[in-house]
């Protein structure tokens, strides 16, 4: 769900829901796993030839293990190996807004 939340004096646009929570948990797991990008099972499984399984992880707010995948073009490896990847990268970007 998305929309404007607040009062006339302070109105913010926000997005809430399961998908947003899952994206936030994936972003947190990038630090733990040392990977620049992670994808969820629902995103990666239709394209498994482009992803490596990064494990299933217990995360807050979910009653099941969250399966994670790393795009092959982004897997932690020396930069010259990534540059020679025969496939174009398939990436997910999560935009965050930093507040003062």
PDB file of N, CA and C in Angstrom:
ATOM      1  N   UNK A   1       0.843  -1.155   0.000  1.00  0.00           N
ATOM      2  CA  UNK A   1       0.000   0.000   0.000  1.00  0.00           C
ATOM      3  C   UNK A   1       0.901   1.235   0.000  1.00  0.00           C
ATOM      4  N   UNK A   2       0.496   2.262  -0.702  1.00  0.00           N
ATOM      5  CA  UNK A   2       1.286   3.482  -0.749  1.00  0.00           C
ATOM      6  C   UNK A   2       0.355   4.689  -0.724  1.00  0.00           C
ATOM      7  N   UNK A   3       0.915   5.800  -0.315  1.00  0.00           N
ATOM      8  CA  UNK A   3       0.133   7.027  -0.316  1.00  0.00           C
ATOM      9  C   UNK A   3       0.716   8.064   0.611  1.00  0.00           C
ATOM     10  N   UNK A   4       0.016   9.174   0.693  1.00  0.00           N
ATOM     11  CA  UNK A   4       0.429  10.270   1.566  1.00  0.00           C
ATOM     12  C   UNK A   4      -0.099  10.025   2.970  1.00  0.00           C
ATOM     13  N   UNK A   5       0.751  10.247   3.940  1.00  0.00           N
ATOM     14  CA  UNK A   5       0.409  10.041   5.345  1.00  0.00           C
ATOM     15  C   UNK A   5       0.800  11.293   6.108  1.00  0.00           C
ATOM     16  N   UNK A   6      -0.053  11.728   7.012  1.00  0.00           N
ATOM     17  CA  UNK A   6       0.293  12.867   7.860  1.00  0.00           C
ATOM     18  C   UNK A   6      -0.779  13.933   7.862  1.00  0.00           C
ATOM     19  N   UNK A   7      -0.357  15.115   8.239  1.00  0.00           N
ATOM     20  CA  UNK A   7      -1.256  16.255   8.326  1.00  0.00           C
ATOM     21  C   UNK A   7      -0.883  17.282   7.266  1.00  0.00           C
ATOM     22  N   UNK A   8      -1.673  18.336   7.177  1.00  0.00           N
ATOM     23  CA  UNK A   8      -1.368  19.392   6.214  1.00  0.00           C
ATOM     24  C   UNK A   8      -0.013  20.028   6.480  1.00  0.00           C
ATOM     25  N   UNK A   9       0.389  20.092   7.754  1.00  0.00           N
ATOM     26  CA  UNK A   9       1.676  20.700   8.114  1.00  0.00           C
ATOM     27  C   UNK A   9       2.859  19.777   7.787  1.00  0.00           C
ATOM     28  N   UNK A  10       2.636  18.503   7.855  1.00  0.00           N
ATOM     29  CA  UNK A  10       3.721  17.550   7.575  1.00  0.00           C
ATOM     30  C   UNK A  10       3.138  16.334   6.871  1.00  0.00           C
ATOM     31  N   UNK A  11       3.291  16.307   5.585  1.00  0.00           N
ATOM     32  CA  UNK A  11       2.758  15.236   4.766  1.00  0.00           C
ATOM     33  C   UNK A  11       3.917  14.471   4.143  1.00  0.00           C
ATOM     34  N   UNK A  12       3.927  13.157   4.310  1.00  0.00           N
ATOM     35  CA  UNK A  12       4.973  12.301   3.750  1.00  0.00           C
ATOM     36  C   UNK A  12       4.343  11.252   2.847  1.00  0.00           C
ATOM     37  N   UNK A  13       5.050  10.919   1.799  1.00  0.00           N
ATOM     38  CA  UNK A  13       4.656   9.810   0.936  1.00  0.00           C
ATOM     39  C   UNK A  13       5.336   8.577   1.488  1.00  0.00           C
ATOM     40  N   UNK A  14       4.595   7.485   1.669  1.00  0.00           N
ATOM     41  CA  UNK A  14       5.182   6.282   2.233  1.00  0.00           C
ATOM     42  C   UNK A  14       4.632   5.039   1.555  1.00  0.00           C
ATOM     43  N   UNK A  15       5.360   3.953   1.702  1.00  0.00           N
ATOM     44  CA  UNK A  15       4.947   2.651   1.189  1.00  0.00           C
ATOM     45  C   UNK A  15       5.048   1.668   2.351  1.00  0.00           C
ATOM     46  N   UNK A  16       4.007   0.870   2.558  1.00  0.00           N
ATOM     47  CA  UNK A  16       4.021  -0.121   3.633  1.00  0.00           C
ATOM     48  C   UNK A  16       3.534  -1.454   3.092  1.00  0.00           C
ATOM     49  N   UNK A  17       3.872  -2.512   3.798  1.00  0.00           N
ATOM     50  CA  UNK A  17       3.376  -3.830   3.425  1.00  0.00           C
ATOM     51  C   UNK A  17       4.458  -4.893   3.494  1.00  0.00           C
ATOM     52  N   UNK A  18       4.058  -6.123   3.220  1.00  0.00           N
ATOM     53  CA  UNK A  18       4.952  -7.265   3.314  1.00  0.00           C
ATOM     54  C   UNK A  18       6.159  -7.117   2.384  1.00  0.00           C
ATOM     55  N   UNK A  19       5.930  -6.683   1.143  1.00  0.00           N
ATOM     56  CA  UNK A  19       7.031  -6.552   0.179  1.00  0.00           C
ATOM     57  C   UNK A  19       8.061  -5.525   0.648  1.00  0.00           C
ATOM     58  N   UNK A  20       7.588  -4.449   1.255  1.00  0.00           N
ATOM     59  CA  UNK A  20       8.502  -3.422   1.766  1.00  0.00           C
ATOM     60  C   UNK A  20       9.316  -3.983   2.926  1.00  0.00           C
ATOM     61  N   UNK A  21       8.658  -4.731   3.812  1.00  0.00           N
ATOM     62  CA  UNK A  21       9.371  -5.353   4.933  1.00  0.00           C
ATOM     63  C   UNK A  21      10.410  -6.347   4.431  1.00  0.00           C
ATOM     64  N   UNK A  22      10.048  -7.134   3.418  1.00  0.00           N
ATOM     65  CA  UNK A  22      10.991  -8.104   2.873  1.00  0.00           C
ATOM     66  C   UNK A  22      12.195  -7.397   2.244  1.00  0.00           C
ATOM     67  N   UNK A  23      11.951  -6.320   1.511  1.00  0.00           N
ATOM     68  CA  UNK A  23      13.053  -5.561   0.907  1.00  0.00           C
ATOM     69  C   UNK A  23      13.974  -4.988   1.975  1.00  0.00           C
ATOM     70  N   UNK A  24      13.406  -4.502   3.065  1.00  0.00           N
ATOM     71  CA  UNK A  24      14.222  -3.957   4.163  1.00  0.00           C
ATOM     72  C   UNK A  24      15.065  -5.052   4.801  1.00  0.00           C
ATOM     73  N   UNK A  25      14.500  -6.233   4.982  1.00  0.00           N
ATOM     74  CA  UNK A  25      15.259  -7.357   5.567  1.00  0.00           C
ATOM     75  C   UNK A  25      16.370  -7.809   4.621  1.00  0.00           C
ATOM     76  N   UNK A  26      16.082  -7.838   3.309  1.00  0.00           N
ATOM     77  CA  UNK A  26      17.122  -8.190   2.333  1.00  0.00           C
ATOM     78  C   UNK A  26      18.265  -7.188   2.382  1.00  0.00           C
ATOM     79  N   UNK A  27      17.917  -5.918   2.475  1.00  0.00           N
ATOM     80  CA  UNK A  27      18.945  -4.876   2.542  1.00  0.00           C
ATOM     81  C   UNK A  27      19.812  -5.072   3.776  1.00  0.00           C
ATOM     82  N   UNK A  28      19.198  -5.419   4.903  1.00  0.00           N
ATOM     83  CA  UNK A  28      19.962  -5.685   6.122  1.00  0.00           C
ATOM     84  C   UNK A  28      20.870  -6.899   5.982  1.00  0.00           C
ATOM     85  N   UNK A  29      20.399  -7.913   5.277  1.00  0.00           N
ATOM     86  CA  UNK A  29      21.207  -9.123   5.074  1.00  0.00           C
ATOM     87  C   UNK A  29      22.410  -8.885   4.174  1.00  0.00           C
ATOM     88  N   UNK A  30      22.367  -7.869   3.312  1.00  0.00           N
ATOM     89  CA  UNK A  30      23.523  -7.600   2.449  1.00  0.00           C
ATOM     90  C   UNK A  30      24.767  -7.343   3.285  1.00  0.00           C
ATOM     91  N   UNK A  31      24.590  -6.641   4.394  1.00  0.00           N
ATOM     92  CA  UNK A  31      25.733  -6.357   5.276  1.00  0.00           C
ATOM     93  C   UNK A  31      26.238  -7.635   5.931  1.00  0.00           C
ATOM     94  N   UNK A  32      25.310  -8.446   6.442  1.00  0.00           N
ATOM     95  CA  UNK A  32      25.700  -9.691   7.118  1.00  0.00           C
ATOM     96  C   UNK A  32      26.404 -10.654   6.171  1.00  0.00           C
ATOM     97  N   UNK A  33      25.936 -10.723   4.939  1.00  0.00           N
ATOM     98  CA  UNK A  33      26.480 -11.684   3.984  1.00  0.00           C
ATOM     99  C   UNK A  33      27.620 -11.118   3.144  1.00  0.00           C
ATOM    100  N   UNK A  34      27.873  -9.824   3.273  1.00  0.00           N
ATOM    101  CA  UNK A  34      28.956  -9.210   2.503  1.00  0.00           C
ATOM    102  C   UNK A  34      28.683  -9.178   1.009  1.00  0.00           C
ATOM    103  N   UNK A  35      27.428  -9.030   0.638  1.00  0.00           N
ATOM    104  CA  UNK A  35      27.048  -8.985  -0.773  1.00  0.00           C
ATOM    105  C   UNK A  35      26.456  -7.615  -1.089  1.00  0.00           C
ATOM    106  N   UNK A  36      26.777  -7.047  -2.244  1.00  0.00           N
ATOM    107  CA  UNK A  36      26.227  -5.735  -2.578  1.00  0.00           C
ATOM    108  C   UNK A  36      24.741  -5.771  -2.928  1.00  0.00           C
ATOM    109  N   UNK A  37      24.256  -6.920  -3.422  1.00  0.00           N
ATOM    110  CA  UNK A  37      22.866  -7.044  -3.855  1.00  0.00           C
ATOM    111  C   UNK A  37      22.349  -8.428  -3.492  1.00  0.00           C
ATOM    112  N   UNK A  38      21.129  -8.480  -2.977  1.00  0.00           N
ATOM    113  CA  UNK A  38      20.443  -9.747  -2.729  1.00  0.00           C
ATOM    114  C   UNK A  38      19.072  -9.676  -3.379  1.00  0.00           C
ATOM    115  N   UNK A  39      18.562 -10.831  -3.767  1.00  0.00           N
ATOM    116  CA  UNK A  39      17.220 -10.915  -4.340  1.00  0.00           C
ATOM    117  C   UNK A  39      16.409 -11.919  -3.545  1.00  0.00           C
ATOM    118  N   UNK A  40      15.114 -11.709  -3.520  1.00  0.00           N
ATOM    119  CA  UNK A  40      14.206 -12.629  -2.840  1.00  0.00           C
ATOM    120  C   UNK A  40      13.930 -13.838  -3.733  1.00  0.00           C
ATOM    121  N   UNK A  41      13.362 -14.879  -3.130  1.00  0.00           N
ATOM    122  CA  UNK A  41      13.007 -16.072  -3.897  1.00  0.00           C
ATOM    123  C   UNK A  41      11.974 -15.743  -4.965  1.00  0.00           C
ATOM    124  N   UNK A  42      10.994 -14.929  -4.626  1.00  0.00           N
ATOM    125  CA  UNK A  42       9.943 -14.629  -5.600  1.00  0.00           C
ATOM    126  C   UNK A  42      10.497 -13.886  -6.823  1.00  0.00           C
ATOM    127  N   UNK A  43      11.550 -13.131  -6.645  1.00  0.00           N
ATOM    128  CA  UNK A  43      12.173 -12.430  -7.769  1.00  0.00           C
ATOM    129  C   UNK A  43      13.131 -13.341  -8.527  1.00  0.00           C
ATOM    130  N   UNK A  44      13.969 -14.089  -7.811  1.00  0.00           N
ATOM    131  CA  UNK A  44      15.062 -14.833  -8.436  1.00  0.00           C
ATOM    132  C   UNK A  44      14.659 -16.169  -9.035  1.00  0.00           C
ATOM    133  N   UNK A  45      13.706 -16.866  -8.432  1.00  0.00           N
ATOM    134  CA  UNK A  45      13.435 -18.237  -8.862  1.00  0.00           C
ATOM    135  C   UNK A  45      13.016 -18.379 -10.326  1.00  0.00           C
ATOM    136  N   UNK A  46      12.315 -17.424 -10.932  1.00  0.00           N
ATOM    137  CA  UNK A  46      12.038 -17.570 -12.368  1.00  0.00           C
ATOM    138  C   UNK A  46      13.292 -17.445 -13.252  1.00  0.00           C
ATOM    139  N   UNK A  47      14.395 -16.956 -12.680  1.00  0.00           N
ATOM    140  CA  UNK A  47      15.628 -16.717 -13.435  1.00  0.00           C
ATOM    141  C   UNK A  47      16.826 -17.389 -12.766  1.00  0.00           C
ATOM    142  N   UNK A  48      16.660 -18.599 -12.275  1.00  0.00           N
ATOM    143  CA  UNK A  48      17.714 -19.237 -11.477  1.00  0.00           C
ATOM    144  C   UNK A  48      19.043 -19.371 -12.202  1.00  0.00           C
ATOM    145  N   UNK A  49      19.035 -19.378 -13.520  1.00  0.00           N
ATOM    146  CA  UNK A  49      20.310 -19.482 -14.242  1.00  0.00           C
ATOM    147  C   UNK A  49      21.164 -18.230 -14.053  1.00  0.00           C
ATOM    148  N   UNK A  50      20.579 -17.145 -13.544  1.00  0.00           N
ATOM    149  CA  UNK A  50      21.315 -15.893 -13.328  1.00  0.00           C
ATOM    150  C   UNK A  50      21.632 -15.626 -11.861  1.00  0.00           C
ATOM    151  N   UNK A  51      21.263 -16.558 -10.962  1.00  0.00           N
ATOM    152  CA  UNK A  51      21.435 -16.337  -9.524  1.00  0.00           C
ATOM    153  C   UNK A  51      22.096 -17.530  -8.854  1.00  0.00           C
ATOM    154  N   UNK A  52      22.774 -17.253  -7.753  1.00  0.00           N
ATOM    155  CA  UNK A  52      23.310 -18.290  -6.880  1.00  0.00           C
ATOM    156  C   UNK A  52      22.571 -18.205  -5.560  1.00  0.00           C
ATOM    157  N   UNK A  53      22.224 -19.361  -5.004  1.00  0.00           N
ATOM    158  CA  UNK A  53      21.522 -19.414  -3.731  1.00  0.00           C
ATOM    159  C   UNK A  53      22.456 -18.927  -2.627  1.00  0.00           C
ATOM    160  N   UNK A  54      21.980 -18.012  -1.798  1.00  0.00           N
ATOM    161  CA  UNK A  54      22.794 -17.453  -0.709  1.00  0.00           C
ATOM    162  C   UNK A  54      22.313 -17.926   0.653  1.00  0.00           C
ATOM    163  N   UNK A  55      21.405 -18.879   0.677  1.00  0.00           N
ATOM    164  CA  UNK A  55      20.941 -19.450   1.941  1.00  0.00           C
ATOM    165  C   UNK A  55      19.570 -18.946   2.342  1.00  0.00           C
ATOM    166  N   UNK A  56      19.040 -19.608   3.364  1.00  0.00           N
ATOM    167  CA  UNK A  56      17.761 -19.213   3.951  1.00  0.00           C
ATOM    168  C   UNK A  56      18.070 -18.641   5.328  1.00  0.00           C
ATOM    169  N   UNK A  57      17.468 -17.521   5.643  1.00  0.00           N
ATOM    170  CA  UNK A  57      17.815 -16.792   6.861  1.00  0.00           C
ATOM    171  C   UNK A  57      16.574 -16.439   7.665  1.00  0.00           C
ATOM    172  N   UNK A  58      16.692 -16.565   8.981  1.00  0.00           N
ATOM    173  CA  UNK A  58      15.616 -16.140   9.871  1.00  0.00           C
ATOM    174  C   UNK A  58      15.709 -14.625  10.023  1.00  0.00           C
ATOM    175  N   UNK A  59      14.610 -13.940   9.760  1.00  0.00           N
ATOM    176  CA  UNK A  59      14.583 -12.484   9.885  1.00  0.00           C
ATOM    177  C   UNK A  59      13.343 -12.071  10.671  1.00  0.00           C
ATOM    178  N   UNK A  60      13.437 -10.948  11.332  1.00  0.00           N
ATOM    179  CA  UNK A  60      12.330 -10.433  12.132  1.00  0.00           C
ATOM    180  C   UNK A  60      11.121 -10.148  11.252  1.00  0.00           C
ATOM    181  N   UNK A  61       9.946 -10.468  11.779  1.00  0.00           N
ATOM    182  CA  UNK A  61       8.709 -10.162  11.069  1.00  0.00           C
ATOM    183  C   UNK A  61       8.226 -11.244  10.123  1.00  0.00           C
ATOM    184  N   UNK A  62       8.983 -12.326   9.965  1.00  0.00           N
ATOM    185  CA  UNK A  62       8.590 -13.415   9.074  1.00  0.00           C
ATOM    186  C   UNK A  62       8.602 -14.719   9.856  1.00  0.00           C
ATOM    187  N   UNK A  63       7.571 -15.537   9.657  1.00  0.00           N
ATOM    188  CA  UNK A  63       7.488 -16.811  10.380  1.00  0.00           C
ATOM    189  C   UNK A  63       8.166 -17.954   9.622  1.00  0.00           C
ATOM    190  N   UNK A  64       8.826 -17.635   8.544  1.00  0.00           N
ATOM    191  CA  UNK A  64       9.556 -18.638   7.774  1.00  0.00           C
ATOM    192  C   UNK A  64      10.946 -18.091   7.428  1.00  0.00           C
ATOM    193  N   UNK A  65      11.805 -18.992   7.027  1.00  0.00           N
ATOM    194  CA  UNK A  65      13.147 -18.591   6.610  1.00  0.00           C
ATOM    195  C   UNK A  65      13.033 -17.857   5.271  1.00  0.00           C
ATOM    196  N   UNK A  66      13.774 -16.781   5.145  1.00  0.00           N
ATOM    197  CA  UNK A  66      13.759 -15.976   3.924  1.00  0.00           C
ATOM    198  C   UNK A  66      14.874 -16.482   3.009  1.00  0.00           C
ATOM    199  N   UNK A  67      14.492 -17.074   1.864  1.00  0.00           N
ATOM    200  CA  UNK A  67      15.483 -17.568   0.906  1.00  0.00           C
ATOM    201  C   UNK A  67      16.074 -16.375   0.164  1.00  0.00           C
ATOM    202  N   UNK A  68      17.399 -16.352   0.052  1.00  0.00           N
ATOM    203  CA  UNK A  68      18.069 -15.238  -0.606  1.00  0.00           C
ATOM    204  C   UNK A  68      18.953 -15.742  -1.746  1.00  0.00           C
ATOM    205  N   UNK A  69      19.107 -14.879  -2.743  1.00  0.00           N
ATOM    206  CA  UNK A  69      19.896 -15.202  -3.922  1.00  0.00           C
ATOM    207  C   UNK A  69      20.787 -14.021  -4.272  1.00  0.00           C
ATOM    208  N   UNK A  70      21.946 -14.332  -4.848  1.00  0.00           N
ATOM    209  CA  UNK A  70      22.891 -13.314  -5.293  1.00  0.00           C
ATOM    210  C   UNK A  70      22.949 -13.362  -6.816  1.00  0.00           C
ATOM    211  N   UNK A  71      22.750 -12.223  -7.486  1.00  0.00           N
ATOM    212  CA  UNK A  71      22.933 -12.224  -8.948  1.00  0.00           C
ATOM    213  C   UNK A  71      24.362 -12.631  -9.283  1.00  0.00           C
ATOM    214  N   UNK A  72      24.528 -13.510 -10.218  1.00  0.00           N
ATOM    215  CA  UNK A  72      25.870 -14.004 -10.561  1.00  0.00           C
ATOM    216  C   UNK A  72      26.812 -12.883 -10.954  1.00  0.00           C
ATOM    217  N   UNK A  73      26.312 -11.835 -11.558  1.00  0.00           N
ATOM    218  CA  UNK A  73      27.174 -10.733 -11.957  1.00  0.00           C
ATOM    219  C   UNK A  73      27.607  -9.893 -10.763  1.00  0.00           C
ATOM    220  N   UNK A  74      26.971 -10.081  -9.595  1.00  0.00           N
ATOM    221  CA  UNK A  74      27.295  -9.279  -8.412  1.00  0.00           C
ATOM    222  C   UNK A  74      27.930 -10.087  -7.302  1.00  0.00           C
ATOM    223  N   UNK A  75      28.062 -11.384  -7.468  1.00  0.00           N
ATOM    224  CA  UNK A  75      28.616 -12.210  -6.404  1.00  0.00           C
ATOM    225  C   UNK A  75      30.009 -11.716  -6.046  1.00  0.00           C
ATOM    226  N   UNK A  76      30.324 -11.784  -4.762  1.00  0.00           N
ATOM    227  CA  UNK A  76      31.623 -11.313  -4.292  1.00  0.00           C
ATOM    228  C   UNK A  76      32.732 -12.084  -5.014  1.00  0.00           C
ATOM    229  N   UNK A  77      33.440 -11.411  -5.867  1.00  0.00           N
ATOM    230  CA  UNK A  77      34.547 -11.995  -6.604  1.00  0.00           C
ATOM    231  C   UNK A  77      35.427 -10.847  -7.082  1.00  0.00           C
ATOM    232  N   UNK A  78      36.638 -11.145  -7.531  1.00  0.00           N
ATOM    233  CA  UNK A  78      37.504 -10.070  -8.005  1.00  0.00           C
ATOM    234  C   UNK A  78      36.835  -9.287  -9.129  1.00  0.00           C
ATOM    235  N   UNK A  79      37.037  -7.956  -9.190  1.00  0.00           N
ATOM    236  CA  UNK A  79      36.381  -7.130 -10.205  1.00  0.00           C
ATOM    237  C   UNK A  79      36.623  -7.582 -11.639  1.00  0.00           C
ATOM    238  N   UNK A  80      37.826  -8.112 -11.945  1.00  0.00           N
ATOM    239  CA  UNK A  80      38.091  -8.517 -13.317  1.00  0.00           C
ATOM    240  C   UNK A  80      37.249  -9.719 -13.724  1.00  0.00           C
ATOM    241  N   UNK A  81      36.877 -10.580 -12.773  1.00  0.00           N
ATOM    242  CA  UNK A  81      36.008 -11.717 -13.076  1.00  0.00           C
ATOM    243  C   UNK A  81      34.613 -11.206 -13.386  1.00  0.00           C
ATOM    244  N   UNK A  82      34.120 -10.238 -12.599  1.00  0.00           N
ATOM    245  CA  UNK A  82      32.800  -9.667 -12.845  1.00  0.00           C
ATOM    246  C   UNK A  82      32.752  -8.993 -14.211  1.00  0.00           C
ATOM    247  N   UNK A  83      33.816  -8.321 -14.600  1.00  0.00           N
ATOM    248  CA  UNK A  83      33.838  -7.581 -15.857  1.00  0.00           C
ATOM    249  C   UNK A  83      33.750  -8.515 -17.061  1.00  0.00           C
ATOM    250  N   UNK A  84      34.181  -9.762 -16.907  1.00  0.00           N
ATOM    251  CA  UNK A  84      34.165 -10.697 -18.024  1.00  0.00           C
ATOM    252  C   UNK A  84      32.896 -11.540 -18.067  1.00  0.00           C
ATOM    253  N   UNK A  85      31.917 -11.229 -17.230  1.00  0.00           N
ATOM    254  CA  UNK A  85      30.677 -11.996 -17.210  1.00  0.00           C
ATOM    255  C   UNK A  85      30.022 -11.975 -18.590  1.00  0.00           C
ATOM    256  N   UNK A  86      29.670 -13.154 -19.159  1.00  0.00           N
ATOM    257  CA  UNK A  86      29.071 -13.185 -20.492  1.00  0.00           C
ATOM    258  C   UNK A  86      27.635 -12.665 -20.519  1.00  0.00           C
ATOM    259  N   UNK A  87      26.947 -12.676 -19.390  1.00  0.00           N
ATOM    260  CA  UNK A  87      25.555 -12.242 -19.317  1.00  0.00           C
ATOM    261  C   UNK A  87      25.487 -10.797 -18.832  1.00  0.00           C
ATOM    262  N   UNK A  88      24.560 -10.008 -19.341  1.00  0.00           N
ATOM    263  CA  UNK A  88      24.380  -8.664 -18.772  1.00  0.00           C
ATOM    264  C   UNK A  88      23.838  -8.799 -17.349  1.00  0.00           C
ATOM    265  N   UNK A  89      24.206  -7.904 -16.462  1.00  0.00           N
ATOM    266  CA  UNK A  89      23.771  -8.032 -15.080  1.00  0.00           C
ATOM    267  C   UNK A  89      22.271  -7.790 -14.930  1.00  0.00           C
ATOM    268  N   UNK A  90      21.670  -8.534 -14.035  1.00  0.00           N
ATOM    269  CA  UNK A  90      20.284  -8.340 -13.650  1.00  0.00           C
ATOM    270  C   UNK A  90      20.332  -7.880 -12.207  1.00  0.00           C
ATOM    271  N   UNK A  91      19.966  -6.644 -11.946  1.00  0.00           N
ATOM    272  CA  UNK A  91      20.173  -6.071 -10.626  1.00  0.00           C
ATOM    273  C   UNK A  91      18.893  -5.490 -10.059  1.00  0.00           C
ATOM    274  N   UNK A  92      18.839  -5.422  -8.746  1.00  0.00           N
ATOM    275  CA  UNK A  92      17.738  -4.801  -8.021  1.00  0.00           C
ATOM    276  C   UNK A  92      18.332  -3.642  -7.242  1.00  0.00           C
ATOM    277  N   UNK A  93      17.742  -2.490  -7.362  1.00  0.00           N
ATOM    278  CA  UNK A  93      18.210  -1.338  -6.606  1.00  0.00           C
ATOM    279  C   UNK A  93      17.124  -0.935  -5.623  1.00  0.00           C
ATOM    280  N   UNK A  94      17.500  -0.717  -4.377  1.00  0.00           N
ATOM    281  CA  UNK A  94      16.577  -0.231  -3.367  1.00  0.00           C
ATOM    282  C   UNK A  94      16.985   1.205  -3.049  1.00  0.00           C
ATOM    283  N   UNK A  95      16.107   2.133  -3.323  1.00  0.00           N
ATOM    284  CA  UNK A  95      16.399   3.531  -3.068  1.00  0.00           C
ATOM    285  C   UNK A  95      16.020   3.861  -1.641  1.00  0.00           C
ATOM    286  N   UNK A  96      16.908   4.517  -0.948  1.00  0.00           N
ATOM    287  CA  UNK A  96      16.611   4.948   0.410  1.00  0.00           C
ATOM    288  C   UNK A  96      16.790   6.444   0.492  1.00  0.00           C
ATOM    289  N   UNK A  97      15.966   7.060   1.300  1.00  0.00           N
ATOM    290  CA  UNK A  97      16.027   8.485   1.496  1.00  0.00           C
ATOM    291  C   UNK A  97      16.588   8.749   2.888  1.00  0.00           C
ATOM    292  N   UNK A  98      17.740   9.406   2.966  1.00  0.00           N
ATOM    293  CA  UNK A  98      18.348   9.698   4.250  1.00  0.00           C
ATOM    294  C   UNK A  98      17.751  10.973   4.805  1.00  0.00           C
ATOM    295  N   UNK A  99      17.358  10.906   6.036  1.00  0.00           N
ATOM    296  CA  UNK A  99      16.793  12.082   6.711  1.00  0.00           C
ATOM    297  C   UNK A  99      17.862  12.765   7.550  1.00  0.00           C
ATOM    298  N   UNK A 100      17.783  14.101   7.639  1.00  0.00           N
ATOM    299  CA  UNK A 100      18.790  14.820   8.437  1.00  0.00           C
ATOM    300  C   UNK A 100      18.696  14.485   9.916  1.00  0.00           C
TER     301      UNK A 100
END
